Protein backbone atom coordinates (compact mmCIF):
# COMPACT_ATOMS: atom_id res chain seq x y z
CA MET A 1 -0.11 -0.15 0.09
CA ALA A 2 1.18 3.39 -0.60
CA LYS A 3 0.23 6.22 1.71
CA ALA A 4 -1.14 9.86 1.05
CA ILE A 5 -2.56 12.59 2.66
CA GLN A 6 -6.23 13.60 2.21
CA TYR A 7 -9.25 15.64 3.02
CA SER A 8 -12.60 14.69 3.08
CA GLU A 9 -14.20 17.99 4.09
CA LEU A 10 -12.95 21.74 3.84
CA GLY A 11 -10.96 23.34 7.03
CA GLY A 12 -8.20 24.02 9.30
CA PRO A 13 -5.17 21.51 8.85
CA GLU A 14 -6.65 19.57 11.12
CA VAL A 15 -8.76 18.03 8.08
CA LEU A 16 -5.77 16.34 6.70
CA ALA A 17 -5.38 12.48 7.46
CA LEU A 18 -2.46 10.27 6.63
CA ASN A 19 -3.78 7.18 4.50
CA GLU A 20 -3.30 3.97 3.59
CA VAL A 21 -4.00 4.24 -0.20
CA PRO A 22 -3.55 1.39 -3.22
CA VAL A 23 -0.70 1.75 -5.33
CA PRO A 24 -1.40 3.90 -7.98
CA VAL A 25 -0.67 2.16 -11.90
CA PRO A 26 0.18 4.62 -14.25
CA ALA A 27 -2.52 4.56 -17.27
CA PRO A 28 -1.64 5.16 -21.17
CA GLY A 29 0.12 8.25 -20.95
CA GLU A 30 1.09 8.45 -17.49
CA VAL A 31 4.60 8.04 -15.21
CA ALA A 32 4.45 6.64 -11.67
CA VAL A 33 6.74 8.39 -9.35
CA ARG A 34 7.89 7.42 -5.91
CA VAL A 35 8.04 10.66 -4.19
CA GLU A 36 10.80 11.80 -2.13
CA ALA A 37 9.87 15.22 -1.88
CA ALA A 38 6.40 17.66 -2.20
CA GLY A 39 6.86 21.39 -2.62
CA VAL A 40 4.44 23.09 -0.05
CA ASN A 41 2.43 25.79 -1.88
CA PRO A 42 0.10 28.54 -0.59
CA ILE A 43 -2.91 27.18 -2.45
CA ASP A 44 -2.53 23.95 -1.25
CA ALA A 45 -3.97 25.67 2.29
CA LYS A 46 -6.21 27.80 0.02
CA GLN A 47 -8.44 25.24 -1.70
CA ARG A 48 -8.11 22.70 1.57
CA SER A 49 -9.78 25.49 3.76
CA GLY A 50 -12.23 26.88 1.29
CA LEU A 51 -10.79 30.17 0.66
CA ARG A 52 -10.13 29.60 -2.98
CA PRO A 53 -13.16 27.41 -4.74
CA THR A 54 -12.66 23.96 -5.77
CA PRO A 55 -15.85 21.41 -6.91
CA PRO A 56 -17.11 19.60 -4.12
CA ILE A 57 -15.42 16.91 -2.22
CA THR A 58 -17.29 13.09 -3.27
CA GLU A 59 -14.38 11.09 -2.33
CA PRO A 60 -10.87 11.69 -0.07
CA ARG A 61 -9.09 14.29 -1.85
CA GLY A 62 -4.86 14.88 -1.99
CA THR A 63 -3.15 18.10 -1.43
CA GLY A 64 -0.27 19.33 -3.05
CA ILE A 65 0.65 19.73 -6.56
CA ASP A 66 4.15 19.57 -7.34
CA GLY A 67 6.99 17.11 -6.47
CA ALA A 68 10.38 15.10 -7.38
CA GLY A 69 11.32 11.16 -7.21
CA HIS A 70 11.92 8.82 -9.22
CA VAL A 71 9.86 6.82 -12.05
CA THR A 72 8.79 3.32 -10.94
CA ALA A 73 6.45 2.48 -13.63
CA VAL A 74 5.86 3.72 -17.64
CA GLY A 75 2.85 3.58 -19.36
CA SER A 76 1.90 2.74 -22.60
CA ASP A 77 2.55 5.54 -25.41
CA VAL A 78 4.98 7.29 -23.34
CA ASP A 79 8.73 7.70 -24.42
CA GLY A 80 12.01 9.11 -23.06
CA PHE A 81 11.24 7.83 -19.30
CA ARG A 82 12.97 4.44 -17.56
CA ILE A 83 12.31 2.96 -14.56
CA GLY A 84 14.93 4.73 -11.93
CA ASP A 85 15.11 7.69 -13.88
CA PRO A 86 15.28 10.96 -11.16
CA VAL A 87 12.60 13.02 -12.24
CA VAL A 88 10.45 16.34 -11.09
CA PHE A 89 7.05 16.73 -11.91
CA THR A 90 3.64 19.34 -11.45
CA GLY A 91 0.02 20.67 -12.01
CA ILE A 92 -1.30 17.04 -10.22
CA VAL A 93 -3.73 16.73 -6.78
CA GLY A 94 -2.06 14.76 -3.94
CA SER A 95 2.30 15.34 -4.37
CA TYR A 96 2.31 14.76 -0.58
CA ALA A 97 2.31 11.30 -0.94
CA THR A 98 4.80 8.37 -1.41
CA ASP A 99 3.46 7.08 -4.90
CA VAL A 100 1.95 9.14 -7.47
CA VAL A 101 0.92 9.13 -11.05
CA VAL A 102 1.24 12.13 -13.65
CA PRO A 103 0.63 12.86 -17.18
CA ALA A 104 3.93 12.44 -19.28
CA HIS A 105 4.06 15.70 -20.41
CA LYS A 106 4.21 17.00 -16.45
CA VAL A 107 7.20 15.25 -15.81
CA PHE A 108 10.79 16.16 -15.93
CA VAL A 109 14.40 14.03 -15.97
CA ARG A 110 16.34 16.08 -13.21
CA PRO A 111 19.59 16.23 -14.04
CA ALA A 112 22.56 15.40 -12.21
CA GLY A 113 23.41 17.51 -8.98
CA VAL A 114 19.28 18.49 -9.12
CA SER A 115 18.14 17.25 -5.32
CA ALA A 116 15.06 15.87 -5.40
CA ALA A 117 14.25 18.94 -2.40
CA VAL A 118 15.27 21.60 -5.31
CA GLY A 119 12.92 19.77 -7.91
CA ALA A 120 10.05 19.75 -5.36
CA ALA A 121 10.24 23.57 -4.97
CA LEU A 122 10.25 24.30 -8.49
CA GLY A 123 6.88 23.88 -9.95
CA VAL A 124 3.98 26.61 -9.08
CA PRO A 125 6.48 29.52 -7.76
CA PHE A 126 8.80 29.21 -10.88
CA GLY A 127 6.07 28.27 -13.45
CA THR A 128 4.15 31.29 -12.26
CA ALA A 129 7.57 33.70 -12.29
CA TYR A 130 8.42 32.45 -15.76
CA GLN A 131 5.32 32.82 -17.86
CA THR A 132 4.76 36.12 -15.91
CA VAL A 133 7.89 37.37 -17.26
CA ARG A 134 7.22 35.82 -20.81
CA SER A 135 3.72 37.74 -20.74
CA LEU A 136 4.49 40.99 -19.50
CA GLY A 137 7.45 40.67 -22.73
CA ILE A 138 10.59 41.50 -19.76
CA ARG A 139 13.65 42.10 -21.86
CA GLY A 140 16.31 44.19 -21.76
CA GLY A 141 15.88 48.32 -21.24
CA ASP A 142 12.86 46.83 -18.91
CA THR A 143 13.05 48.22 -14.93
CA LEU A 144 10.83 45.48 -13.02
CA LEU A 145 9.29 46.36 -9.56
CA ILE A 146 8.57 43.22 -7.45
CA HIS A 147 6.24 43.77 -4.76
CA GLY A 148 6.95 40.63 -2.51
CA ALA A 149 10.14 39.87 -3.78
CA SER A 150 11.91 37.46 -0.97
CA GLY A 151 8.78 34.64 -1.80
CA SER A 152 9.27 31.70 -3.67
CA VAL A 153 7.83 33.37 -7.14
CA GLY A 154 9.44 36.85 -6.38
CA GLN A 155 12.83 35.50 -6.33
CA ALA A 156 12.27 33.49 -9.42
CA ALA A 157 11.31 36.36 -10.84
CA ILE A 158 14.21 37.97 -10.31
CA GLN A 159 16.34 35.46 -11.50
CA PHE A 160 14.13 34.81 -15.16
CA ALA A 161 14.23 39.04 -15.27
CA ALA A 162 17.68 39.51 -14.88
CA LEU A 163 18.20 36.52 -17.21
CA ALA A 164 16.39 38.67 -19.83
CA GLY A 165 18.56 41.70 -19.19
CA ALA A 166 15.94 43.92 -17.24
CA ARG A 167 16.84 46.17 -13.90
CA VAL A 168 14.85 44.71 -11.41
CA LEU A 169 13.55 46.45 -8.10
CA GLY A 170 12.02 44.21 -5.03
CA THR A 171 10.23 45.45 -1.77
CA THR A 172 11.04 43.72 1.12
CA SER A 173 11.73 43.85 4.70
CA ASP A 174 15.46 45.09 5.82
CA ARG A 175 15.43 41.42 7.61
CA ARG A 176 15.43 39.83 3.58
CA ALA A 177 17.16 42.29 1.45
CA ASP A 178 20.29 40.27 1.33
CA ARG A 179 18.20 37.93 -0.70
CA VAL A 180 16.75 39.87 -3.29
CA ILE A 181 20.18 41.10 -3.37
CA ALA A 182 21.84 37.86 -4.00
CA LEU A 183 19.79 37.20 -6.56
CA GLY A 184 20.11 40.08 -8.74
CA GLY A 185 17.42 42.66 -7.65
CA GLU A 186 17.59 45.73 -5.74
CA PRO A 187 16.04 46.13 -2.21
CA LEU A 188 13.07 48.80 -1.17
CA ALA A 189 11.78 48.53 1.75
CA TYR A 190 7.35 48.41 1.89
CA GLY A 191 5.64 50.62 3.89
CA ASP A 192 5.10 54.13 3.95
CA GLY A 193 6.99 55.66 1.49
CA LEU A 194 7.07 53.36 -1.00
CA VAL A 195 6.12 55.32 -4.12
CA GLU A 196 9.22 57.94 -3.44
CA ARG A 197 11.45 55.11 -3.29
CA VAL A 198 10.68 53.14 -5.83
CA ARG A 199 11.30 56.96 -8.29
CA GLN A 200 13.83 57.78 -6.10
CA ALA A 201 15.61 54.44 -7.66
CA ALA A 202 14.25 54.44 -10.81
CA PRO A 203 14.32 58.44 -11.77
CA ASP A 204 13.09 57.12 -14.99
CA GLY A 205 10.24 55.17 -13.81
CA VAL A 206 9.72 51.17 -13.94
CA THR A 207 8.58 50.30 -16.87
CA ALA A 208 6.48 47.02 -15.62
CA ILE A 209 4.98 45.88 -12.21
CA LEU A 210 4.60 42.19 -10.48
CA ASP A 211 2.09 42.62 -7.79
CA CYS A 212 3.36 38.78 -5.66
CA ALA A 213 2.23 40.36 -2.08
CA GLY A 214 -1.38 41.23 -2.47
CA THR A 215 -1.85 44.09 -0.60
CA ASP A 216 -3.63 47.46 -1.04
CA GLU A 217 0.05 49.14 -0.06
CA ALA A 218 1.16 47.25 -3.46
CA ILE A 219 -2.05 48.12 -5.72
CA GLU A 220 -2.18 51.33 -4.95
CA ALA A 221 1.99 52.19 -5.72
CA SER A 222 1.46 50.12 -8.56
CA LEU A 223 -1.30 52.49 -10.12
CA GLU A 224 0.43 55.57 -9.30
CA LEU A 225 3.66 54.65 -10.67
CA LEU A 226 2.96 52.90 -14.04
CA GLU A 227 0.24 54.36 -16.11
CA ASP A 228 0.26 51.59 -18.90
CA ARG A 229 -2.20 49.22 -17.06
CA SER A 230 -1.18 46.53 -19.77
CA ARG A 231 2.40 45.87 -18.14
CA ILE A 232 1.09 45.61 -13.81
CA ALA A 233 -0.24 41.93 -13.11
CA THR A 234 -0.81 40.28 -9.98
CA ILE A 235 -0.76 36.86 -8.92
CA VAL A 236 -2.64 37.42 -5.57
CA ARG A 237 -5.56 39.74 -6.48
CA GLY A 238 -7.01 38.19 -9.16
CA PRO A 239 -10.96 38.36 -7.92
CA ASP A 240 -10.83 41.89 -8.00
CA ALA A 241 -7.76 42.77 -10.69
CA ALA A 242 -10.15 43.59 -13.49
CA SER A 243 -11.29 46.50 -11.10
CA PHE A 244 -7.99 47.99 -11.18
CA GLY A 245 -7.75 47.76 -14.99
CA ILE A 246 -5.04 45.36 -14.53
CA ARG A 247 -3.79 41.70 -15.32
CA ALA A 248 -4.01 38.44 -13.30
CA PHE A 249 -2.53 35.23 -13.82
CA SER A 250 -4.56 33.00 -11.63
CA GLY A 251 -4.59 34.07 -7.75
CA GLY A 252 -8.32 33.44 -8.12
CA SER A 253 -8.81 35.40 -11.54
CA PRO A 254 -11.96 34.35 -13.23
CA THR A 255 -9.95 34.52 -16.12
CA PRO A 256 -8.64 31.44 -16.85
CA LEU A 257 -4.82 30.99 -18.11
CA SER A 258 -4.62 30.60 -21.90
CA ALA A 259 -3.03 27.61 -23.65
CA GLN A 260 -0.13 29.68 -24.41
CA GLN A 261 0.48 30.97 -20.25
CA GLN A 262 -0.25 27.36 -19.57
CA ALA A 263 2.69 26.08 -21.75
CA TRP A 264 4.95 28.57 -20.86
CA ARG A 265 4.08 27.42 -16.73
CA LEU A 266 5.25 23.88 -17.70
CA GLU A 267 7.75 25.17 -20.01
CA ALA A 268 9.64 26.82 -17.26
CA ILE A 269 10.30 23.36 -15.47
CA PRO A 270 13.12 22.28 -17.84
CA VAL A 271 14.35 25.92 -18.30
CA ALA A 272 14.91 25.83 -14.37
CA LEU A 273 16.56 22.95 -14.46
CA ALA A 274 19.39 23.36 -16.68
CA LEU A 275 19.71 26.63 -15.24
CA ILE A 276 19.91 25.16 -11.60
CA ALA A 277 22.05 22.19 -13.03
CA THR A 278 24.61 24.70 -14.15
CA GLY A 279 24.69 26.86 -11.35
CA ARG A 280 22.74 30.01 -12.93
CA PHE A 281 19.68 30.07 -11.10
CA HIS A 282 19.38 29.49 -7.05
CA VAL A 283 16.09 27.98 -4.90
CA GLU A 284 16.01 28.84 -1.51
CA LEU A 285 14.98 26.08 0.81
CA GLY A 286 13.16 26.40 3.83
CA GLU A 287 11.76 23.24 6.72
CA ARG A 288 10.99 20.37 5.86
CA TYR A 289 8.21 18.26 7.52
CA PRO A 290 7.99 14.72 7.58
CA LEU A 291 4.23 13.21 5.85
CA GLU A 292 2.44 13.13 9.18
CA ARG A 293 3.03 16.69 9.93
CA ALA A 294 1.36 17.85 6.56
CA GLY A 295 -0.72 20.26 8.06
CA ASP A 296 1.72 22.14 10.02
CA ALA A 297 3.83 22.52 7.05
CA GLN A 298 0.79 24.11 5.45
CA GLN A 299 0.34 26.28 8.25
CA ALA A 300 3.84 27.38 8.41
CA ALA A 301 3.29 28.54 4.48
CA SER A 302 0.16 30.00 4.79
CA GLU A 303 2.16 32.41 7.63
CA GLY A 304 5.11 33.38 5.31
CA ALA A 305 7.62 31.42 6.58
CA ASP A 306 11.43 31.83 4.90
CA GLY A 307 12.25 29.60 1.76
CA LYS A 308 10.44 26.40 0.29
CA LEU A 309 9.01 24.08 2.44
CA LEU A 310 8.90 20.78 1.48
CA VAL A 311 6.45 17.37 2.67
CA LEU A 312 9.08 14.37 2.79
CA PRO A 313 7.12 11.13 2.41
């Protein structure tokens, strides 16, 4: 038998249960993976609590989207994978488990030198950051302002934007400023006077803004700093982004991602794996939790714990 964290009703971390489940068998077009690490994303707790709407629960539901491990079986009509391959996967329901099956197009071979822990940290944050940087058309000559730059998505966005040749300003706390600097960004303290600090740092103005914070301050400052609303995006304030005239990429937006945007989110994973393997990208890992403490991991992520939190089956 395999083990999986599941829930049968919406609620707090206490609704999560560690259940025994049949070892999943890959169908045609799928790959079976023995999970070595699962990434903890804020969306996990939002869906579990009902803060982010999901379909009605009709049977025990898994939690977790991202993970890494090694291939244990390959479904028919699947090429390019062998049993034992180290892999990263994303875009499933239920990565907090010992064993999962994943559509083959969402599984990526993990290069030598990239640990399962690092691989499990990539899916949602790196996919979101890469897609947003691509959607905003960030390139050399741009000055990008990132609200919440020291979070997992913010850190990935700094690196993708810098790779594209942009200058990156990032709001953060004083405590986390060194992390923004280490990734190639220029830290700015949030709080009173933010607009003035941005204008002082970038007298010619910013050309694009990414909101990873979702605060009123971030939205209000963005609207004051940049007239071109098509180059302001939020990944948090999806429900009310349209009322501000800005773009939203998920984050509760009623407008789904386009096929191109979804493709970019998957494309980010092999791109990031290659960059990490060659030492050009970096991932900040946080605390690691055993499978039975998945609720504690989700709670810590919701409270803004530093680094990418992981669940280890």
